[in-house]
Each structure stands twice: as structure tokens, then as C-alpha cells.
Amino acid sequence: MQDEFERFWHEEKILALAKICEEEHLDQKQFKALIESYTDYGREPLRDDIFKCLDNRPSILKAREIGERILDKMKEFVQVFVSGMVG
């Protein structure tokens, strides 16, 4: 039963990551590396690190909004799929 849940949770995690990357036009491999760095070291990524994951760098007017939105989604992902599974 535990194995089935872990398999299910792993699949949900992959789907959730793919959805964020699709919605925000992020390179999945680079974004996953940002998440791993955040969870391993507890340091929020710099906005420039987030922008490196994007297909196109946002305009200066949109940069703050987009950076904050992506960071919020990353934190929510970690809260659900990483922190939520500890215990």
C-alpha cells in the first residue's frame, strides 16, 4: 500500500512540476534544479536565476510580477510535494 501511494505521489509531483513549467514557459530541467537547491539549502533563488529558466526574459515592467509569481508557485510546490511528505 505504501509503495502504491509513493508511486502515485511521485507521478503527481512530476505532473505538478510539468504544469508549472508549461504555464510559465520554464525550462523544466533548470527549474527542477532551482527547486532542489531551494530545498537542499533553504535559499530562495535570485530573480535572475528564475529568469534563466524562462524561454524569454520578461520586460523590466513585468519582471517583478513574473518573478514573484513563479517564486510563489515554487514555494507552493515545495510545501505540497517536499515539506508535506516529511514525517
PDB file of N, CA and C in Angstrom:
ATOM      1  N   MET A   1       0.831  -1.203   0.000  1.00  0.00           N
ATOM      2  CA  MET A   1       0.000   0.000   0.000  1.00  0.00           C
ATOM      3  C   MET A   1       0.872   1.261   0.000  1.00  0.00           C
ATOM      4  N   GLN A   2       1.930   1.252   0.815  1.00  0.00           N
ATOM      5  CA  GLN A   2       2.833   2.398   0.883  1.00  0.00           C
ATOM      6  C   GLN A   2       3.495   2.635  -0.472  1.00  0.00           C
ATOM      7  N   ASP A   3       3.925   1.552  -1.128  1.00  0.00           N
ATOM      8  CA  ASP A   3       4.565   1.680  -2.439  1.00  0.00           C
ATOM      9  C   ASP A   3       3.629   2.304  -3.465  1.00  0.00           C
ATOM     10  N   GLU A   4       2.362   1.899  -3.433  1.00  0.00           N
ATOM     11  CA  GLU A   4       1.383   2.454  -4.366  1.00  0.00           C
ATOM     12  C   GLU A   4       1.216   3.948  -4.148  1.00  0.00           C
ATOM     13  N   PHE A   5       1.118   4.359  -2.888  1.00  0.00           N
ATOM     14  CA  PHE A   5       0.963   5.781  -2.599  1.00  0.00           C
ATOM     15  C   PHE A   5       2.199   6.560  -3.042  1.00  0.00           C
ATOM     16  N   GLU A   6       3.372   6.027  -2.749  1.00  0.00           N
ATOM     17  CA  GLU A   6       4.603   6.711  -3.146  1.00  0.00           C
ATOM     18  C   GLU A   6       4.698   6.858  -4.661  1.00  0.00           C
ATOM     19  N   ARG A   7       4.294   5.822  -5.369  1.00  0.00           N
ATOM     20  CA  ARG A   7       4.302   5.875  -6.830  1.00  0.00           C
ATOM     21  C   ARG A   7       3.318   6.947  -7.318  1.00  0.00           C
ATOM     22  N   PHE A   8       2.123   6.929  -6.734  1.00  0.00           N
ATOM     23  CA  PHE A   8       1.101   7.924  -7.078  1.00  0.00           C
ATOM     24  C   PHE A   8       1.621   9.340  -6.790  1.00  0.00           C
ATOM     25  N   TRP A   9       2.201   9.537  -5.607  1.00  0.00           N
ATOM     26  CA  TRP A   9       2.670  10.860  -5.201  1.00  0.00           C
ATOM     27  C   TRP A   9       3.800  11.341  -6.111  1.00  0.00           C
ATOM     28  N   HIS A  10       4.672  10.417  -6.492  1.00  0.00           N
ATOM     29  CA  HIS A  10       5.768  10.755  -7.397  1.00  0.00           C
ATOM     30  C   HIS A  10       5.209  11.206  -8.757  1.00  0.00           C
ATOM     31  N   GLU A  11       4.204  10.519  -9.252  1.00  0.00           N
ATOM     32  CA  GLU A  11       3.578  10.889 -10.527  1.00  0.00           C
ATOM     33  C   GLU A  11       2.904  12.253 -10.421  1.00  0.00           C
ATOM     34  N   GLU A  12       2.228  12.503  -9.293  1.00  0.00           N
ATOM     35  CA  GLU A  12       1.570  13.794  -9.080  1.00  0.00           C
ATOM     36  C   GLU A  12       2.604  14.921  -9.041  1.00  0.00           C
ATOM     37  N   LYS A  13       3.731  14.651  -8.412  1.00  0.00           N
ATOM     38  CA  LYS A  13       4.813  15.634  -8.319  1.00  0.00           C
ATOM     39  C   LYS A  13       5.336  15.983  -9.713  1.00  0.00           C
ATOM     40  N   ILE A  14       5.549  14.976 -10.538  1.00  0.00           N
ATOM     41  CA  ILE A  14       6.029  15.194 -11.907  1.00  0.00           C
ATOM     42  C   ILE A  14       5.015  16.003 -12.711  1.00  0.00           C
ATOM     43  N   LEU A  15       3.734  15.652 -12.575  1.00  0.00           N
ATOM     44  CA  LEU A  15       2.685  16.375 -13.298  1.00  0.00           C
ATOM     45  C   LEU A  15       2.588  17.825 -12.839  1.00  0.00           C
ATOM     46  N   ALA A  16       2.689  18.049 -11.536  1.00  0.00           N
ATOM     47  CA  ALA A  16       2.601  19.410 -10.998  1.00  0.00           C
ATOM     48  C   ALA A  16       3.775  20.260 -11.483  1.00  0.00           C
ATOM     49  N   LEU A  17       4.954  19.678 -11.500  1.00  0.00           N
ATOM     50  CA  LEU A  17       6.136  20.390 -11.981  1.00  0.00           C
ATOM     51  C   LEU A  17       5.980  20.732 -13.464  1.00  0.00           C
ATOM     52  N   ALA A  18       5.515  19.773 -14.241  1.00  0.00           N
ATOM     53  CA  ALA A  18       5.318  19.993 -15.673  1.00  0.00           C
ATOM     54  C   ALA A  18       4.283  21.089 -15.922  1.00  0.00           C
ATOM     55  N   LYS A  19       3.236  21.118 -15.100  1.00  0.00           N
ATOM     56  CA  LYS A  19       2.178  22.121 -15.268  1.00  0.00           C
ATOM     57  C   LYS A  19       2.721  23.522 -15.005  1.00  0.00           C
ATOM     58  N   ILE A  20       3.492  23.685 -13.925  1.00  0.00           N
ATOM     59  CA  ILE A  20       4.080  24.994 -13.630  1.00  0.00           C
ATOM     60  C   ILE A  20       4.972  25.428 -14.788  1.00  0.00           C
ATOM     61  N   CYS A  21       5.795  24.526 -15.261  1.00  0.00           N
ATOM     62  CA  CYS A  21       6.727  24.853 -16.346  1.00  0.00           C
ATOM     63  C   CYS A  21       5.982  25.220 -17.626  1.00  0.00           C
ATOM     64  N   GLU A  22       4.909  24.518 -17.890  1.00  0.00           N
ATOM     65  CA  GLU A  22       4.120  24.824 -19.085  1.00  0.00           C
ATOM     66  C   GLU A  22       3.435  26.182 -18.944  1.00  0.00           C
ATOM     67  N   GLU A  23       2.818  26.430 -17.791  1.00  0.00           N
ATOM     68  CA  GLU A  23       2.106  27.699 -17.569  1.00  0.00           C
ATOM     69  C   GLU A  23       3.031  28.903 -17.648  1.00  0.00           C
ATOM     70  N   GLU A  24       4.240  28.740 -17.127  1.00  0.00           N
ATOM     71  CA  GLU A  24       5.164  29.868 -17.033  1.00  0.00           C
ATOM     72  C   GLU A  24       6.252  29.869 -18.107  1.00  0.00           C
ATOM     73  N   HIS A  25       6.200  28.881 -19.003  1.00  0.00           N
ATOM     74  CA  HIS A  25       7.189  28.770 -20.088  1.00  0.00           C
ATOM     75  C   HIS A  25       8.616  28.634 -19.519  1.00  0.00           C
ATOM     76  N   LEU A  26       8.762  27.691 -18.602  1.00  0.00           N
ATOM     77  CA  LEU A  26      10.045  27.453 -17.941  1.00  0.00           C
ATOM     78  C   LEU A  26      10.710  26.200 -18.484  1.00  0.00           C
ATOM     79  N   ASP A  27      12.024  26.207 -18.508  1.00  0.00           N
ATOM     80  CA  ASP A  27      12.779  25.012 -18.829  1.00  0.00           C
ATOM     81  C   ASP A  27      12.683  24.083 -17.612  1.00  0.00           C
ATOM     82  N   GLN A  28      12.104  22.918 -17.793  1.00  0.00           N
ATOM     83  CA  GLN A  28      11.799  22.032 -16.676  1.00  0.00           C
ATOM     84  C   GLN A  28      13.052  21.571 -15.933  1.00  0.00           C
ATOM     85  N   LYS A  29      14.099  21.263 -16.665  1.00  0.00           N
ATOM     86  CA  LYS A  29      15.328  20.783 -16.035  1.00  0.00           C
ATOM     87  C   LYS A  29      15.951  21.874 -15.159  1.00  0.00           C
ATOM     88  N   GLN A  30      16.020  23.089 -15.684  1.00  0.00           N
ATOM     89  CA  GLN A  30      16.599  24.199 -14.922  1.00  0.00           C
ATOM     90  C   GLN A  30      15.729  24.546 -13.712  1.00  0.00           C
ATOM     91  N   PHE A  31      14.419  24.537 -13.889  1.00  0.00           N
ATOM     92  CA  PHE A  31      13.518  24.878 -12.789  1.00  0.00           C
ATOM     93  C   PHE A  31      13.580  23.823 -11.692  1.00  0.00           C
ATOM     94  N   LYS A  32      13.667  22.567 -12.085  1.00  0.00           N
ATOM     95  CA  LYS A  32      13.796  21.490 -11.101  1.00  0.00           C
ATOM     96  C   LYS A  32      15.082  21.656 -10.292  1.00  0.00           C
ATOM     97  N   ALA A  33      16.154  22.068 -10.958  1.00  0.00           N
ATOM     98  CA  ALA A  33      17.426  22.310 -10.262  1.00  0.00           C
ATOM     99  C   ALA A  33      17.282  23.453  -9.257  1.00  0.00           C
ATOM    100  N   LEU A  34      16.514  24.488  -9.601  1.00  0.00           N
ATOM    101  CA  LEU A  34      16.260  25.588  -8.666  1.00  0.00           C
ATOM    102  C   LEU A  34      15.511  25.094  -7.435  1.00  0.00           C
ATOM    103  N   ILE A  35      14.508  24.252  -7.660  1.00  0.00           N
ATOM    104  CA  ILE A  35      13.723  23.694  -6.552  1.00  0.00           C
ATOM    105  C   ILE A  35      14.616  22.852  -5.652  1.00  0.00           C
ATOM    106  N   GLU A  36      15.458  22.031  -6.249  1.00  0.00           N
ATOM    107  CA  GLU A  36      16.343  21.180  -5.454  1.00  0.00           C
ATOM    108  C   GLU A  36      17.316  22.015  -4.639  1.00  0.00           C
ATOM    109  N   SER A  37      17.838  23.067  -5.219  1.00  0.00           N
ATOM    110  CA  SER A  37      18.746  23.957  -4.498  1.00  0.00           C
ATOM    111  C   SER A  37      18.015  24.625  -3.328  1.00  0.00           C
ATOM    112  N   TYR A  38      16.787  25.045  -3.578  1.00  0.00           N
ATOM    113  CA  TYR A  38      15.967  25.684  -2.545  1.00  0.00           C
ATOM    114  C   TYR A  38      15.692  24.713  -1.398  1.00  0.00           C
ATOM    115  N   THR A  39      15.338  23.475  -1.714  1.00  0.00           N
ATOM    116  CA  THR A  39      15.019  22.510  -0.658  1.00  0.00           C
ATOM    117  C   THR A  39      16.269  22.021   0.059  1.00  0.00           C
ATOM    118  N   ASP A  40      17.387  21.907  -0.654  1.00  0.00           N
ATOM    119  CA  ASP A  40      18.625  21.428  -0.030  1.00  0.00           C
ATOM    120  C   ASP A  40      19.276  22.471   0.876  1.00  0.00           C
ATOM    121  N   TYR A  41      19.246  23.732   0.443  1.00  0.00           N
ATOM    122  CA  TYR A  41      19.977  24.775   1.162  1.00  0.00           C
ATOM    123  C   TYR A  41      19.097  25.833   1.809  1.00  0.00           C
ATOM    124  N   GLY A  42      17.790  25.803   1.502  1.00  0.00           N
ATOM    125  CA  GLY A  42      16.864  26.746   2.116  1.00  0.00           C
ATOM    126  C   GLY A  42      17.010  28.178   1.631  1.00  0.00           C
ATOM    127  N   ARG A  43      17.703  28.358   0.507  1.00  0.00           N
ATOM    128  CA  ARG A  43      17.880  29.705  -0.029  1.00  0.00           C
ATOM    129  C   ARG A  43      16.928  29.914  -1.201  1.00  0.00           C
ATOM    130  N   GLU A  44      16.199  31.023  -1.134  1.00  0.00           N
ATOM    131  CA  GLU A  44      15.331  31.365  -2.261  1.00  0.00           C
ATOM    132  C   GLU A  44      16.210  31.725  -3.450  1.00  0.00           C
ATOM    133  N   PRO A  45      15.783  31.332  -4.642  1.00  0.00           N
ATOM    134  CA  PRO A  45      16.570  31.692  -5.824  1.00  0.00           C
ATOM    135  C   PRO A  45      16.481  33.192  -6.094  1.00  0.00           C
ATOM    136  N   LEU A  46      17.526  33.714  -6.672  1.00  0.00           N
ATOM    137  CA  LEU A  46      17.501  35.106  -7.108  1.00  0.00           C
ATOM    138  C   LEU A  46      16.579  35.216  -8.310  1.00  0.00           C
ATOM    139  N   ARG A  47      16.025  36.381  -8.487  1.00  0.00           N
ATOM    140  CA  ARG A  47      15.126  36.587  -9.619  1.00  0.00           C
ATOM    141  C   ARG A  47      15.841  36.269 -10.935  1.00  0.00           C
ATOM    142  N   ASP A  48      17.115  36.620 -11.030  1.00  0.00           N
ATOM    143  CA  ASP A  48      17.871  36.318 -12.254  1.00  0.00           C
ATOM    144  C   ASP A  48      17.951  34.812 -12.503  1.00  0.00           C
ATOM    145  N   ASP A  49      18.071  34.029 -11.428  1.00  0.00           N
ATOM    146  CA  ASP A  49      18.096  32.573 -11.573  1.00  0.00           C
ATOM    147  C   ASP A  49      16.765  32.057 -12.106  1.00  0.00           C
ATOM    148  N   ILE A  50      15.683  32.662 -11.637  1.00  0.00           N
ATOM    149  CA  ILE A  50      14.352  32.288 -12.138  1.00  0.00           C
ATOM    150  C   ILE A  50      14.247  32.644 -13.617  1.00  0.00           C
ATOM    151  N   PHE A  51      14.709  33.834 -13.983  1.00  0.00           N
ATOM    152  CA  PHE A  51      14.600  34.287 -15.372  1.00  0.00           C
ATOM    153  C   PHE A  51      15.421  33.421 -16.322  1.00  0.00           C
ATOM    154  N   LYS A  52      16.495  32.816 -15.828  1.00  0.00           N
ATOM    155  CA  LYS A  52      17.301  31.930 -16.667  1.00  0.00           C
ATOM    156  C   LYS A  52      16.513  30.690 -17.094  1.00  0.00           C
ATOM    157  N   CYS A  53      15.471  30.356 -16.358  1.00  0.00           N
ATOM    158  CA  CYS A  53      14.627  29.204 -16.683  1.00  0.00           C
ATOM    159  C   CYS A  53      13.577  29.544 -17.741  1.00  0.00           C
ATOM    160  N   LEU A  54      13.347  30.822 -17.956  1.00  0.00           N
ATOM    161  CA  LEU A  54      12.320  31.261 -18.902  1.00  0.00           C
ATOM    162  C   LEU A  54      12.806  31.185 -20.342  1.00  0.00           C
ATOM    163  N   ASP A  55      11.844  30.956 -21.243  1.00  0.00           N
ATOM    164  CA  ASP A  55      12.158  30.981 -22.674  1.00  0.00           C
ATOM    165  C   ASP A  55      12.641  32.375 -23.083  1.00  0.00           C
ATOM    166  N   ASN A  56      11.924  33.381 -22.611  1.00  0.00           N
ATOM    167  CA  ASN A  56      12.246  34.776 -22.926  1.00  0.00           C
ATOM    168  C   ASN A  56      12.277  35.580 -21.636  1.00  0.00           C
ATOM    169  N   ARG A  57      13.291  36.385 -21.476  1.00  0.00           N
ATOM    170  CA  ARG A  57      13.377  37.237 -20.286  1.00  0.00           C
ATOM    171  C   ARG A  57      12.250  38.273 -20.364  1.00  0.00           C
ATOM    172  N   PRO A  58      11.534  38.477 -19.255  1.00  0.00           N
ATOM    173  CA  PRO A  58      10.424  39.444 -19.285  1.00  0.00           C
ATOM    174  C   PRO A  58      10.934  40.885 -19.355  1.00  0.00           C
ATOM    175  N   SER A  59      10.045  41.754 -19.797  1.00  0.00           N
ATOM    176  CA  SER A  59      10.394  43.175 -19.822  1.00  0.00           C
ATOM    177  C   SER A  59      10.578  43.653 -18.381  1.00  0.00           C
ATOM    178  N   ILE A  60      11.272  44.744 -18.228  1.00  0.00           N
ATOM    179  CA  ILE A  60      11.529  45.285 -16.891  1.00  0.00           C
ATOM    180  C   ILE A  60      10.215  45.564 -16.167  1.00  0.00           C
ATOM    181  N   LEU A  61       9.211  46.017 -16.898  1.00  0.00           N
ATOM    182  CA  LEU A  61       7.915  46.333 -16.281  1.00  0.00           C
ATOM    183  C   LEU A  61       7.230  45.082 -15.724  1.00  0.00           C
ATOM    184  N   LYS A  62       7.420  43.960 -16.363  1.00  0.00           N
ATOM    185  CA  LYS A  62       6.760  42.719 -15.949  1.00  0.00           C
ATOM    186  C   LYS A  62       7.646  41.827 -15.071  1.00  0.00           C
ATOM    187  N   ALA A  63       8.931  42.119 -15.017  1.00  0.00           N
ATOM    188  CA  ALA A  63       9.888  41.222 -14.358  1.00  0.00           C
ATOM    189  C   ALA A  63       9.538  40.941 -12.903  1.00  0.00           C
ATOM    190  N   ARG A  64       9.237  41.966 -12.135  1.00  0.00           N
ATOM    191  CA  ARG A  64       8.946  41.770 -10.711  1.00  0.00           C
ATOM    192  C   ARG A  64       7.718  40.885 -10.522  1.00  0.00           C
ATOM    193  N   GLU A  65       6.661  41.197 -11.252  1.00  0.00           N
ATOM    194  CA  GLU A  65       5.412  40.440 -11.147  1.00  0.00           C
ATOM    195  C   GLU A  65       5.630  38.967 -11.526  1.00  0.00           C
ATOM    196  N   ILE A  66       6.304  38.735 -12.617  1.00  0.00           N
ATOM    197  CA  ILE A  66       6.538  37.366 -13.086  1.00  0.00           C
ATOM    198  C   ILE A  66       7.462  36.626 -12.123  1.00  0.00           C
ATOM    199  N   GLY A  67       8.519  37.288 -11.684  1.00  0.00           N
ATOM    200  CA  GLY A  67       9.439  36.663 -10.737  1.00  0.00           C
ATOM    201  C   GLY A  67       8.743  36.257  -9.447  1.00  0.00           C
ATOM    202  N   GLU A  68       7.919  37.147  -8.905  1.00  0.00           N
ATOM    203  CA  GLU A  68       7.178  36.852  -7.667  1.00  0.00           C
ATOM    204  C   GLU A  68       6.202  35.694  -7.873  1.00  0.00           C
ATOM    205  N   ARG A  69       5.501  35.714  -8.997  1.00  0.00           N
ATOM    206  CA  ARG A  69       4.513  34.670  -9.273  1.00  0.00           C
ATOM    207  C   ARG A  69       5.181  33.302  -9.379  1.00  0.00           C
ATOM    208  N   ILE A  70       6.294  33.236 -10.073  1.00  0.00           N
ATOM    209  CA  ILE A  70       6.997  31.960 -10.226  1.00  0.00           C
ATOM    210  C   ILE A  70       7.562  31.496  -8.885  1.00  0.00           C
ATOM    211  N   LEU A  71       8.120  32.417  -8.106  1.00  0.00           N
ATOM    212  CA  LEU A  71       8.652  32.068  -6.785  1.00  0.00           C
ATOM    213  C   LEU A  71       7.536  31.542  -5.884  1.00  0.00           C
ATOM    214  N   ASP A  72       6.364  32.174  -5.928  1.00  0.00           N
ATOM    215  CA  ASP A  72       5.218  31.702  -5.135  1.00  0.00           C
ATOM    216  C   ASP A  72       4.811  30.286  -5.541  1.00  0.00           C
ATOM    217  N   LYS A  73       4.786  30.032  -6.839  1.00  0.00           N
ATOM    218  CA  LYS A  73       4.427  28.693  -7.319  1.00  0.00           C
ATOM    219  C   LYS A  73       5.465  27.668  -6.885  1.00  0.00           C
ATOM    220  N   MET A  74       6.744  28.061  -6.903  1.00  0.00           N
ATOM    221  CA  MET A  74       7.811  27.165  -6.488  1.00  0.00           C
ATOM    222  C   MET A  74       7.664  26.827  -5.003  1.00  0.00           C
ATOM    223  N   LYS A  75       7.409  27.846  -4.179  1.00  0.00           N
ATOM    224  CA  LYS A  75       7.252  27.619  -2.742  1.00  0.00           C
ATOM    225  C   LYS A  75       6.042  26.719  -2.461  1.00  0.00           C
ATOM    226  N   GLU A  76       4.959  26.946  -3.180  1.00  0.00           N
ATOM    227  CA  GLU A  76       3.762  26.116  -3.006  1.00  0.00           C
ATOM    228  C   GLU A  76       4.059  24.664  -3.392  1.00  0.00           C
ATOM    229  N   PHE A  77       4.774  24.469  -4.482  1.00  0.00           N
ATOM    230  CA  PHE A  77       5.156  23.131  -4.923  1.00  0.00           C
ATOM    231  C   PHE A  77       5.975  22.437  -3.835  1.00  0.00           C
ATOM    232  N   VAL A  78       6.959  23.143  -3.293  1.00  0.00           N
ATOM    233  CA  VAL A  78       7.810  22.569  -2.243  1.00  0.00           C
ATOM    234  C   VAL A  78       6.981  22.250  -1.006  1.00  0.00           C
ATOM    235  N   GLN A  79       6.083  23.149  -0.641  1.00  0.00           N
ATOM    236  CA  GLN A  79       5.237  22.938   0.537  1.00  0.00           C
ATOM    237  C   GLN A  79       4.410  21.663   0.394  1.00  0.00           C
ATOM    238  N   VAL A  80       3.849  21.456  -0.770  1.00  0.00           N
ATOM    239  CA  VAL A  80       2.985  20.294  -1.000  1.00  0.00           C
ATOM    240  C   VAL A  80       3.794  19.009  -1.192  1.00  0.00           C
ATOM    241  N   PHE A  81       4.768  19.064  -2.086  1.00  0.00           N
ATOM    242  CA  PHE A  81       5.426  17.823  -2.509  1.00  0.00           C
ATOM    243  C   PHE A  81       6.718  17.473  -1.774  1.00  0.00           C
ATOM    244  N   VAL A  82       7.305  18.423  -1.081  1.00  0.00           N
ATOM    245  CA  VAL A  82       8.540  18.139  -0.358  1.00  0.00           C
ATOM    246  C   VAL A  82       8.293  18.205   1.144  1.00  0.00           C
ATOM    247  N   SER A  83       7.917  19.381   1.627  1.00  0.00           N
ATOM    248  CA  SER A  83       7.708  19.542   3.066  1.00  0.00           C
ATOM    249  C   SER A  83       6.542  18.714   3.566  1.00  0.00           C
ATOM    250  N   GLY A  84       5.498  18.595   2.761  1.00  0.00           N
ATOM    251  CA  GLY A  84       4.306  17.854   3.163  1.00  0.00           C
ATOM    252  C   GLY A  84       4.544  16.366   3.329  1.00  0.00           C
ATOM    253  N   MET A  85       5.609  15.851   2.730  1.00  0.00           N
ATOM    254  CA  MET A  85       5.873  14.410   2.785  1.00  0.00           C
ATOM    255  C   MET A  85       6.818  14.040   3.920  1.00  0.00           C
ATOM    256  N   VAL A  86       7.349  14.999   4.625  1.00  0.00           N
ATOM    257  CA  VAL A  86       8.259  14.696   5.727  1.00  0.00           C
ATOM    258  C   VAL A  86       7.455  14.211   6.921  1.00  0.00           C
ATOM    259  N   GLY A  87       7.929  13.149   7.536  1.00  0.00           N
ATOM    260  CA  GLY A  87       7.225  12.696   8.741  1.00  0.00           C
ATOM    261  C   GLY A  87       6.933  11.325   8.691  1.00  0.00           C
TER     262      GLY A  87
END
